[in-house]
Protein backbone atom coordinates (compact mmCIF):
# COMPACT_ATOMS: atom_id res chain seq x y z
CA MET A 1 4.45 -20.79 -254.31
CA ALA A 2 2.47 -23.86 -253.29
CA GLY A 3 3.77 -27.30 -254.13
CA ARG A 4 1.95 -29.68 -256.38
CA SER A 5 -0.72 -31.73 -254.70
CA TYR A 6 -1.06 -35.50 -254.43
CA PRO A 7 -1.02 -37.54 -256.68
CA ASP A 8 0.83 -35.29 -259.15
CA HIS A 9 3.50 -34.12 -256.74
CA TRP A 10 6.32 -36.43 -257.79
CA LYS A 11 7.45 -34.49 -260.90
CA GLY A 12 8.39 -30.85 -260.72
CA GLU A 13 8.03 -28.18 -263.37
CA ASN A 14 11.66 -28.52 -264.48
CA GLY A 15 11.61 -32.31 -264.69
CA LEU A 16 13.07 -32.94 -261.24
CA TYR A 17 11.63 -35.87 -259.35
CA CYS A 18 10.66 -35.98 -255.69
CA ALA A 19 9.81 -39.29 -254.02
CA GLY A 20 8.54 -40.05 -250.55
CA MET A 21 7.51 -36.56 -249.51
CA VAL A 22 3.73 -37.06 -249.18
CA ARG A 23 3.69 -38.35 -245.61
CA ARG A 24 2.22 -41.68 -246.66
CA GLY A 25 5.11 -43.79 -245.39
CA ILE A 26 6.76 -46.56 -247.34
CA TYR A 27 3.69 -47.12 -249.49
CA GLY A 28 3.75 -43.48 -250.61
CA SER A 29 7.44 -43.76 -251.46
CA TYR A 30 6.70 -46.93 -253.43
CA GLU A 31 3.95 -45.20 -255.41
CA ASP A 32 6.21 -42.25 -256.17
CA ALA A 33 9.00 -44.57 -257.32
CA GLU A 34 6.59 -46.40 -259.63
CA HIS A 35 5.39 -43.14 -261.20
CA ILE A 36 8.95 -41.90 -261.64
CA ALA A 37 10.12 -45.18 -263.21
CA ASP A 38 7.16 -45.16 -265.62
CA ASP A 39 7.85 -41.55 -266.61
CA ILE A 40 11.54 -42.22 -267.25
CA SER A 41 10.66 -45.34 -269.23
CA LYS A 42 8.25 -43.37 -271.43
CA GLN A 43 10.89 -40.70 -272.04
CA LEU A 44 13.52 -43.29 -272.99
CA ARG A 45 11.14 -45.08 -275.35
CA SER A 46 10.15 -41.86 -277.11
CA SER A 47 13.76 -40.70 -277.47
CA SER A 48 15.00 -44.04 -278.81
CA LYS A 49 12.48 -44.32 -281.64
CA PRO A 50 14.35 -44.34 -284.95
CA THR A 51 13.72 -41.47 -287.31
CA HIS A 52 12.64 -42.49 -290.78
CA ASN A 53 14.87 -40.89 -293.36
CA ASN A 54 14.48 -41.94 -296.96
CA GLY A 55 17.83 -40.42 -297.93
CA SER A 56 16.46 -37.80 -300.30
CA ALA A 57 17.59 -34.20 -299.98
């Protein structure tokens, strides 16, 4: 099975992250880290949104 290609290589199918494996040096690692941090931030924001419950059954 072939790996995902640049620039979408940093997040695997099962949600595992992989940084710095694109042979672009420190800049590539930096880009990967930025993408990973943004993705985690989006996930945390979406999971922390309050659910609106009006209390009726």
